[in-house]
């Protein structure tokens, strides 16, 4: 399933959103997790903090290792029940799940995302680059969040 940038499939649009631009460097993994913990805590979604933190951590790690971009955008949204998230970078390559040996120390990121998220996907952007998106806290979705509703946060 693919969706254009800014179009996580949702039944209802998020009523709260946050977006930040981060450098594609190792320390941004922790920074992105902090954004997830802070915002989901503010939104009263403590039950989703651990899963969403791990999902975002894996997606950001992929951007840093494979994205081919110097920066990325993390976007989160909620209606108070579910969380939608997106990680956008300018790289051309598409992430893919791969089989790894039992002794491998990496290569399981998208498998973790697949197991923890209710739904997820990858979309190429018409502007170039790609978005990897996920949903947590719901199994249904059909609507597009409005980027104009985003609260820009300086990270």
N, C-alpha and C. Protein backbone atom coordinates (compact mmCIF):
# COMPACT_ATOMS: atom_id res chain seq x y z
N UNK A 1 0.84 -1.17 0.00
CA UNK A 1 0.00 0.00 0.00
C UNK A 1 0.89 1.24 0.00
N UNK A 2 0.59 2.19 -0.83
CA UNK A 2 1.38 3.42 -0.84
C UNK A 2 0.46 4.62 -0.68
N UNK A 3 0.98 5.65 -0.07
CA UNK A 3 0.24 6.90 0.14
C UNK A 3 1.17 8.06 -0.19
N UNK A 4 0.64 9.15 -0.72
CA UNK A 4 1.50 10.31 -0.97
C UNK A 4 1.91 10.97 0.34
N UNK A 5 2.99 11.74 0.30
CA UNK A 5 3.49 12.43 1.49
C UNK A 5 2.37 13.23 2.13
N UNK A 6 2.20 13.06 3.43
CA UNK A 6 1.15 13.76 4.15
C UNK A 6 -0.20 13.08 4.09
N UNK A 7 -0.24 11.83 3.67
CA UNK A 7 -1.53 11.17 3.50
C UNK A 7 -1.57 9.80 4.16
N UNK A 8 -1.41 9.77 5.47
CA UNK A 8 -1.64 8.53 6.19
C UNK A 8 -3.13 8.26 6.11
N UNK A 9 -3.55 7.02 5.80
CA UNK A 9 -4.97 6.74 5.64
C UNK A 9 -5.69 6.72 6.99
N UNK A 10 -6.68 7.60 7.18
CA UNK A 10 -7.35 7.72 8.47
C UNK A 10 -8.85 7.84 8.32
N UNK A 11 -9.61 7.31 9.30
CA UNK A 11 -11.06 7.49 9.33
C UNK A 11 -11.42 8.93 9.64
N UNK A 12 -10.71 9.51 10.58
CA UNK A 12 -10.93 10.91 10.96
C UNK A 12 -9.59 11.61 10.99
N UNK A 13 -9.55 12.87 10.63
CA UNK A 13 -8.26 13.57 10.62
C UNK A 13 -7.76 13.80 12.04
N UNK A 14 -6.45 13.92 12.20
CA UNK A 14 -5.93 14.20 13.53
C UNK A 14 -6.35 15.58 13.99
N UNK A 15 -6.60 15.69 15.29
CA UNK A 15 -6.94 16.99 15.85
C UNK A 15 -5.71 17.67 16.44
N UNK A 16 -4.66 16.91 16.63
CA UNK A 16 -3.39 17.46 17.10
C UNK A 16 -2.27 16.88 16.25
N UNK A 17 -1.37 17.72 15.83
CA UNK A 17 -0.22 17.26 15.06
C UNK A 17 1.03 17.99 15.52
N UNK A 18 2.14 17.36 15.28
CA UNK A 18 3.44 17.97 15.55
C UNK A 18 4.37 17.55 14.42
N UNK A 19 5.25 18.42 14.06
CA UNK A 19 6.17 18.15 12.96
C UNK A 19 7.51 18.77 13.31
N UNK A 20 8.60 18.05 13.03
CA UNK A 20 9.91 18.66 13.23
C UNK A 20 10.90 18.18 12.18
N UNK A 21 11.83 19.04 11.89
CA UNK A 21 12.90 18.79 10.94
C UNK A 21 14.15 18.48 11.76
N UNK A 22 14.77 17.34 11.47
CA UNK A 22 15.95 16.91 12.21
C UNK A 22 17.07 16.55 11.25
N UNK A 23 18.33 16.71 11.67
CA UNK A 23 19.44 16.27 10.83
C UNK A 23 19.52 14.75 10.82
N UNK A 24 19.94 14.19 9.71
CA UNK A 24 20.07 12.74 9.59
C UNK A 24 21.41 12.30 10.18
N UNK A 25 21.51 12.40 11.50
CA UNK A 25 22.71 12.01 12.24
C UNK A 25 22.29 11.14 13.42
N UNK A 26 23.23 10.38 13.96
CA UNK A 26 22.92 9.41 15.00
C UNK A 26 22.16 9.99 16.19
N UNK A 27 22.53 11.17 16.64
CA UNK A 27 21.86 11.74 17.83
C UNK A 27 20.38 12.05 17.59
N UNK A 28 19.97 12.09 16.34
CA UNK A 28 18.57 12.37 16.03
C UNK A 28 17.65 11.20 16.35
N UNK A 29 18.20 10.00 16.49
CA UNK A 29 17.36 8.86 16.90
C UNK A 29 16.80 9.14 18.29
N UNK A 30 17.67 9.52 19.21
CA UNK A 30 17.22 9.85 20.58
C UNK A 30 16.32 11.07 20.58
N UNK A 31 16.64 12.07 19.76
CA UNK A 31 15.81 13.28 19.69
C UNK A 31 14.40 12.94 19.20
N UNK A 32 14.30 12.08 18.19
CA UNK A 32 12.99 11.69 17.67
C UNK A 32 12.20 10.91 18.71
N UNK A 33 12.87 10.01 19.43
CA UNK A 33 12.18 9.28 20.51
C UNK A 33 11.67 10.25 21.57
N UNK A 34 12.46 11.27 21.88
CA UNK A 34 12.04 12.27 22.88
C UNK A 34 10.80 13.02 22.42
N UNK A 35 10.75 13.35 21.13
CA UNK A 35 9.56 14.02 20.58
C UNK A 35 8.34 13.11 20.75
N UNK A 36 8.50 11.84 20.41
CA UNK A 36 7.38 10.89 20.55
C UNK A 36 6.91 10.82 22.00
N UNK A 37 7.84 10.62 22.92
CA UNK A 37 7.48 10.49 24.34
C UNK A 37 6.80 11.77 24.85
N UNK A 38 7.37 12.91 24.52
CA UNK A 38 6.82 14.19 24.99
C UNK A 38 5.41 14.42 24.44
N UNK A 39 5.25 14.28 23.13
CA UNK A 39 3.96 14.60 22.51
C UNK A 39 2.89 13.59 22.87
N UNK A 40 3.20 12.29 22.83
CA UNK A 40 2.19 11.30 23.19
C UNK A 40 1.81 11.43 24.66
N UNK A 41 2.77 11.81 25.51
CA UNK A 41 2.45 12.08 26.91
C UNK A 41 1.50 13.26 27.04
N UNK A 42 1.77 14.33 26.31
CA UNK A 42 0.87 15.51 26.30
C UNK A 42 -0.52 15.15 25.80
N UNK A 43 -0.56 14.23 24.85
CA UNK A 43 -1.83 13.85 24.24
C UNK A 43 -2.58 12.80 25.06
N UNK A 44 -2.01 12.34 26.17
CA UNK A 44 -2.66 11.34 27.02
C UNK A 44 -2.65 9.95 26.42
N UNK A 45 -1.67 9.67 25.58
CA UNK A 45 -1.58 8.37 24.91
C UNK A 45 -0.40 7.55 25.44
N UNK A 46 -0.29 7.50 26.76
CA UNK A 46 0.81 6.78 27.39
C UNK A 46 0.89 5.33 26.95
N UNK A 47 -0.25 4.70 26.68
CA UNK A 47 -0.27 3.29 26.28
C UNK A 47 0.43 3.05 24.95
N UNK A 48 0.61 4.08 24.14
CA UNK A 48 1.24 3.93 22.83
C UNK A 48 2.68 4.44 22.79
N UNK A 49 3.16 5.01 23.88
CA UNK A 49 4.48 5.64 23.87
C UNK A 49 5.59 4.64 23.54
N UNK A 50 5.61 3.50 24.21
CA UNK A 50 6.71 2.56 23.99
C UNK A 50 6.74 2.04 22.55
N UNK A 51 5.59 1.59 22.05
CA UNK A 51 5.56 1.07 20.68
C UNK A 51 5.91 2.15 19.66
N UNK A 52 5.32 3.33 19.81
CA UNK A 52 5.59 4.40 18.84
C UNK A 52 7.03 4.88 18.92
N UNK A 53 7.60 4.91 20.12
CA UNK A 53 9.01 5.29 20.26
C UNK A 53 9.91 4.31 19.53
N UNK A 54 9.62 3.03 19.66
CA UNK A 54 10.44 2.02 18.98
C UNK A 54 10.24 2.09 17.47
N UNK A 55 9.01 2.25 17.02
CA UNK A 55 8.75 2.37 15.59
C UNK A 55 9.52 3.55 15.01
N UNK A 56 9.39 4.71 15.63
CA UNK A 56 10.07 5.91 15.13
C UNK A 56 11.58 5.73 15.19
N UNK A 57 12.08 5.12 16.23
CA UNK A 57 13.51 4.86 16.35
C UNK A 57 14.01 4.04 15.17
N UNK A 58 13.28 3.01 14.80
CA UNK A 58 13.68 2.16 13.68
C UNK A 58 13.60 2.92 12.35
N UNK A 59 12.55 3.70 12.16
CA UNK A 59 12.42 4.46 10.90
C UNK A 59 13.50 5.52 10.76
N UNK A 60 13.81 6.20 11.85
CA UNK A 60 14.85 7.23 11.81
C UNK A 60 16.22 6.58 11.59
N UNK A 61 16.47 5.46 12.22
CA UNK A 61 17.73 4.74 11.99
C UNK A 61 17.87 4.38 10.52
N UNK A 62 16.78 3.95 9.88
CA UNK A 62 16.83 3.64 8.45
C UNK A 62 17.18 4.87 7.62
N UNK A 63 16.61 6.02 7.97
CA UNK A 63 16.93 7.26 7.25
C UNK A 63 18.42 7.55 7.36
N UNK A 64 18.95 7.43 8.55
CA UNK A 64 20.36 7.75 8.78
C UNK A 64 21.27 6.78 8.03
N UNK A 65 20.94 5.51 8.06
CA UNK A 65 21.79 4.50 7.42
C UNK A 65 21.62 4.41 5.91
N UNK A 66 20.39 4.58 5.45
CA UNK A 66 20.10 4.27 4.05
C UNK A 66 19.42 5.39 3.27
N UNK A 67 19.01 6.46 3.93
CA UNK A 67 18.16 7.47 3.29
C UNK A 67 18.83 8.35 2.27
N UNK A 68 20.12 8.58 2.41
CA UNK A 68 20.80 9.45 1.45
C UNK A 68 20.36 10.90 1.53
N UNK A 69 19.96 11.34 2.71
CA UNK A 69 19.47 12.70 2.89
C UNK A 69 20.16 13.30 4.11
N UNK A 70 20.37 14.60 4.11
CA UNK A 70 21.04 15.23 5.25
C UNK A 70 20.06 15.60 6.37
N UNK A 71 18.77 15.64 6.06
CA UNK A 71 17.74 15.95 7.05
C UNK A 71 16.52 15.06 6.79
N UNK A 72 15.63 15.00 7.77
CA UNK A 72 14.37 14.29 7.59
C UNK A 72 13.30 15.02 8.38
N UNK A 73 12.05 14.72 8.05
CA UNK A 73 10.90 15.30 8.75
C UNK A 73 10.19 14.19 9.50
N UNK A 74 9.95 14.43 10.78
CA UNK A 74 9.12 13.55 11.60
C UNK A 74 7.79 14.26 11.83
N UNK A 75 6.71 13.58 11.51
CA UNK A 75 5.37 14.14 11.72
C UNK A 75 4.55 13.12 12.51
N UNK A 76 3.86 13.59 13.54
CA UNK A 76 2.97 12.76 14.35
C UNK A 76 1.61 13.43 14.42
N UNK A 77 0.55 12.64 14.48
CA UNK A 77 -0.78 13.18 14.63
C UNK A 77 -1.65 12.24 15.43
N UNK A 78 -2.71 12.77 16.04
CA UNK A 78 -3.65 11.96 16.81
C UNK A 78 -5.03 12.57 16.80
N UNK A 79 -6.02 11.73 17.03
CA UNK A 79 -7.38 12.20 17.29
C UNK A 79 -7.73 11.98 18.76
N UNK A 80 -6.75 11.57 19.55
CA UNK A 80 -6.96 11.27 20.95
C UNK A 80 -7.04 9.78 21.24
N UNK A 81 -7.16 8.97 20.18
CA UNK A 81 -7.24 7.52 20.33
C UNK A 81 -6.07 6.83 19.65
N UNK A 82 -5.79 7.20 18.41
CA UNK A 82 -4.72 6.58 17.64
C UNK A 82 -3.60 7.59 17.38
N UNK A 83 -2.49 7.07 16.91
CA UNK A 83 -1.35 7.90 16.49
C UNK A 83 -1.02 7.55 15.05
N UNK A 84 -0.82 8.57 14.22
CA UNK A 84 -0.26 8.35 12.90
C UNK A 84 1.11 9.01 12.90
N UNK A 85 2.03 8.42 12.21
CA UNK A 85 3.38 8.97 12.15
C UNK A 85 3.94 8.85 10.75
N UNK A 86 4.83 9.78 10.41
CA UNK A 86 5.51 9.76 9.12
C UNK A 86 6.95 10.18 9.32
N UNK A 87 7.81 9.54 8.58
CA UNK A 87 9.21 9.97 8.49
C UNK A 87 9.49 10.16 7.00
N UNK A 88 9.82 11.39 6.62
CA UNK A 88 10.07 11.74 5.23
C UNK A 88 11.53 12.09 5.04
N UNK A 89 12.14 11.55 3.97
CA UNK A 89 13.49 11.97 3.61
C UNK A 89 13.59 12.08 2.09
N UNK A 90 14.62 12.75 1.62
CA UNK A 90 14.80 13.01 0.19
C UNK A 90 15.47 11.87 -0.58
N UNK A 91 15.82 10.80 0.09
CA UNK A 91 16.49 9.68 -0.58
C UNK A 91 15.59 8.98 -1.57
N UNK A 92 16.21 8.36 -2.59
CA UNK A 92 15.45 7.67 -3.63
C UNK A 92 15.12 6.22 -3.28
N UNK A 93 15.97 5.57 -2.51
CA UNK A 93 15.78 4.15 -2.22
C UNK A 93 14.56 3.91 -1.36
N UNK A 94 13.89 2.78 -1.61
CA UNK A 94 12.74 2.41 -0.81
C UNK A 94 13.14 1.35 0.21
N UNK A 95 12.71 1.49 1.45
CA UNK A 95 13.03 0.47 2.45
C UNK A 95 12.28 -0.81 2.15
N UNK A 96 12.86 -1.91 2.54
CA UNK A 96 12.21 -3.20 2.33
C UNK A 96 12.58 -4.13 3.48
N UNK A 97 11.63 -4.97 3.85
CA UNK A 97 11.92 -5.99 4.86
C UNK A 97 12.82 -7.03 4.22
N UNK A 98 13.73 -7.54 5.02
CA UNK A 98 14.61 -8.58 4.50
C UNK A 98 14.76 -9.68 5.52
N UNK A 99 15.12 -10.84 5.03
CA UNK A 99 15.38 -11.96 5.93
C UNK A 99 16.79 -11.82 6.46
N UNK A 100 16.93 -12.04 7.75
CA UNK A 100 18.25 -11.97 8.38
C UNK A 100 18.47 -13.23 9.19
N UNK A 101 19.73 -13.60 9.32
CA UNK A 101 20.08 -14.76 10.11
C UNK A 101 19.85 -14.53 11.60
N UNK A 102 19.77 -15.60 12.34
CA UNK A 102 19.51 -15.48 13.78
C UNK A 102 20.65 -14.80 14.52
N UNK A 103 21.85 -14.82 13.96
CA UNK A 103 23.00 -14.18 14.61
C UNK A 103 23.22 -12.74 14.14
N UNK A 104 22.44 -12.27 13.20
CA UNK A 104 22.61 -10.91 12.68
C UNK A 104 22.32 -9.88 13.76
N UNK A 105 23.09 -8.81 13.77
CA UNK A 105 22.90 -7.76 14.78
C UNK A 105 22.09 -6.58 14.25
N UNK A 106 21.72 -6.60 12.99
CA UNK A 106 20.87 -5.55 12.43
C UNK A 106 20.01 -6.14 11.33
N UNK A 107 19.19 -5.29 10.69
CA UNK A 107 18.37 -5.75 9.59
C UNK A 107 16.94 -6.10 9.96
N UNK A 108 16.55 -5.86 11.21
CA UNK A 108 15.21 -6.22 11.65
C UNK A 108 14.27 -5.02 11.84
N UNK A 109 14.71 -3.84 11.48
CA UNK A 109 13.94 -2.63 11.76
C UNK A 109 12.53 -2.65 11.21
N UNK A 110 12.37 -2.96 9.93
CA UNK A 110 11.03 -2.95 9.34
C UNK A 110 10.18 -4.11 9.84
N UNK A 111 10.81 -5.21 10.22
CA UNK A 111 10.07 -6.31 10.83
C UNK A 111 9.47 -5.85 12.16
N UNK A 112 10.25 -5.10 12.93
CA UNK A 112 9.75 -4.53 14.19
C UNK A 112 8.59 -3.58 13.92
N UNK A 113 8.76 -2.70 12.94
CA UNK A 113 7.68 -1.78 12.56
C UNK A 113 6.43 -2.56 12.17
N UNK A 114 6.60 -3.59 11.36
CA UNK A 114 5.49 -4.41 10.89
C UNK A 114 4.74 -5.06 12.06
N UNK A 115 5.48 -5.52 13.05
CA UNK A 115 4.86 -6.20 14.19
C UNK A 115 4.18 -5.23 15.16
N UNK A 116 4.71 -4.04 15.32
CA UNK A 116 4.18 -3.10 16.32
C UNK A 116 3.07 -2.19 15.78
N UNK A 117 3.16 -1.82 14.52
CA UNK A 117 2.18 -0.88 13.93
C UNK A 117 0.91 -1.62 13.52
N UNK A 118 -0.23 -0.94 13.61
CA UNK A 118 -1.47 -1.51 13.09
C UNK A 118 -1.43 -1.55 11.57
N UNK A 119 -0.78 -0.58 10.97
CA UNK A 119 -0.61 -0.52 9.53
C UNK A 119 0.61 0.35 9.25
N UNK A 120 1.24 0.15 8.12
CA UNK A 120 2.38 0.98 7.75
C UNK A 120 2.58 0.84 6.25
N UNK A 121 3.33 1.75 5.69
CA UNK A 121 3.61 1.69 4.27
C UNK A 121 4.67 2.69 3.88
N UNK A 122 4.99 2.66 2.61
CA UNK A 122 6.02 3.53 2.05
C UNK A 122 5.42 4.21 0.82
N UNK A 123 5.69 5.49 0.67
CA UNK A 123 5.19 6.22 -0.50
C UNK A 123 6.28 7.11 -1.05
N UNK A 124 6.41 7.10 -2.36
CA UNK A 124 7.29 8.08 -3.01
C UNK A 124 6.54 9.41 -3.07
N UNK A 125 7.28 10.47 -2.96
CA UNK A 125 6.69 11.80 -3.06
C UNK A 125 6.87 12.33 -4.48
N UNK A 126 5.88 13.05 -4.98
CA UNK A 126 6.00 13.68 -6.29
C UNK A 126 7.12 14.71 -6.29
N UNK A 127 7.47 15.22 -5.10
CA UNK A 127 8.55 16.20 -4.96
C UNK A 127 9.92 15.53 -4.86
N UNK A 128 9.94 14.22 -4.90
CA UNK A 128 11.17 13.48 -4.68
C UNK A 128 11.22 12.99 -3.25
N UNK A 129 11.96 11.94 -3.03
CA UNK A 129 12.05 11.37 -1.70
C UNK A 129 10.91 10.41 -1.42
N UNK A 130 10.78 10.07 -0.15
CA UNK A 130 9.77 9.09 0.24
C UNK A 130 9.32 9.35 1.67
N UNK A 131 8.16 8.80 1.98
CA UNK A 131 7.61 8.84 3.32
C UNK A 131 7.35 7.41 3.76
N UNK A 132 7.81 7.07 4.95
CA UNK A 132 7.41 5.82 5.59
C UNK A 132 6.43 6.23 6.68
N UNK A 133 5.23 5.68 6.64
CA UNK A 133 4.18 6.07 7.58
C UNK A 133 3.73 4.87 8.39
N UNK A 134 3.12 5.15 9.54
CA UNK A 134 2.57 4.08 10.38
C UNK A 134 1.35 4.57 11.13
N UNK A 135 0.53 3.62 11.55
CA UNK A 135 -0.62 3.87 12.42
C UNK A 135 -0.49 2.97 13.64
N UNK A 136 -0.82 3.49 14.79
CA UNK A 136 -0.83 2.71 16.03
C UNK A 136 -2.06 3.11 16.84
N UNK A 137 -2.69 2.13 17.47
CA UNK A 137 -3.86 2.41 18.28
C UNK A 137 -5.17 2.28 17.54
N UNK A 138 -5.12 1.89 16.29
CA UNK A 138 -6.32 1.66 15.48
C UNK A 138 -5.97 0.72 14.34
N UNK A 139 -6.96 0.03 13.85
CA UNK A 139 -6.73 -0.84 12.69
C UNK A 139 -7.47 -0.34 11.46
N UNK A 140 -8.20 0.76 11.59
CA UNK A 140 -8.96 1.29 10.47
C UNK A 140 -8.45 2.67 10.10
N UNK A 141 -8.63 3.02 8.84
CA UNK A 141 -8.16 4.33 8.40
C UNK A 141 -8.63 4.63 6.99
N UNK A 142 -8.90 5.92 6.71
CA UNK A 142 -9.25 6.30 5.35
C UNK A 142 -9.05 7.77 5.03
N UNK A 143 -8.74 8.61 5.97
CA UNK A 143 -8.73 10.03 5.70
C UNK A 143 -7.33 10.62 5.75
N UNK A 144 -7.16 11.79 5.22
CA UNK A 144 -5.86 12.44 5.11
C UNK A 144 -5.74 13.55 6.15
N UNK A 145 -4.64 13.57 6.93
CA UNK A 145 -4.45 14.69 7.85
C UNK A 145 -4.14 15.97 7.09
N UNK A 146 -4.53 17.09 7.64
CA UNK A 146 -4.31 18.38 7.02
C UNK A 146 -3.00 18.97 7.54
N UNK A 147 -1.96 19.08 6.70
CA UNK A 147 -0.69 19.63 7.16
C UNK A 147 -0.83 21.05 7.71
N UNK A 148 -1.86 21.78 7.31
CA UNK A 148 -2.05 23.15 7.81
C UNK A 148 -2.38 23.16 9.30
N UNK A 149 -2.84 22.02 9.83
CA UNK A 149 -3.16 21.93 11.26
C UNK A 149 -1.93 21.62 12.10
N UNK A 150 -0.78 21.43 11.48
CA UNK A 150 0.42 21.04 12.21
C UNK A 150 0.88 22.14 13.15
N UNK A 151 1.37 21.71 14.29
CA UNK A 151 2.03 22.62 15.23
C UNK A 151 3.51 22.41 15.00
N UNK A 152 4.21 23.40 14.48
CA UNK A 152 5.63 23.26 14.19
C UNK A 152 6.40 23.37 15.50
N UNK A 153 7.26 22.40 15.73
CA UNK A 153 8.07 22.36 16.93
C UNK A 153 9.53 22.46 16.53
N UNK A 154 10.27 23.31 17.17
CA UNK A 154 11.71 23.41 16.91
C UNK A 154 12.39 22.37 17.76
N UNK A 155 13.09 21.46 17.11
CA UNK A 155 13.77 20.37 17.82
C UNK A 155 15.25 20.63 17.91
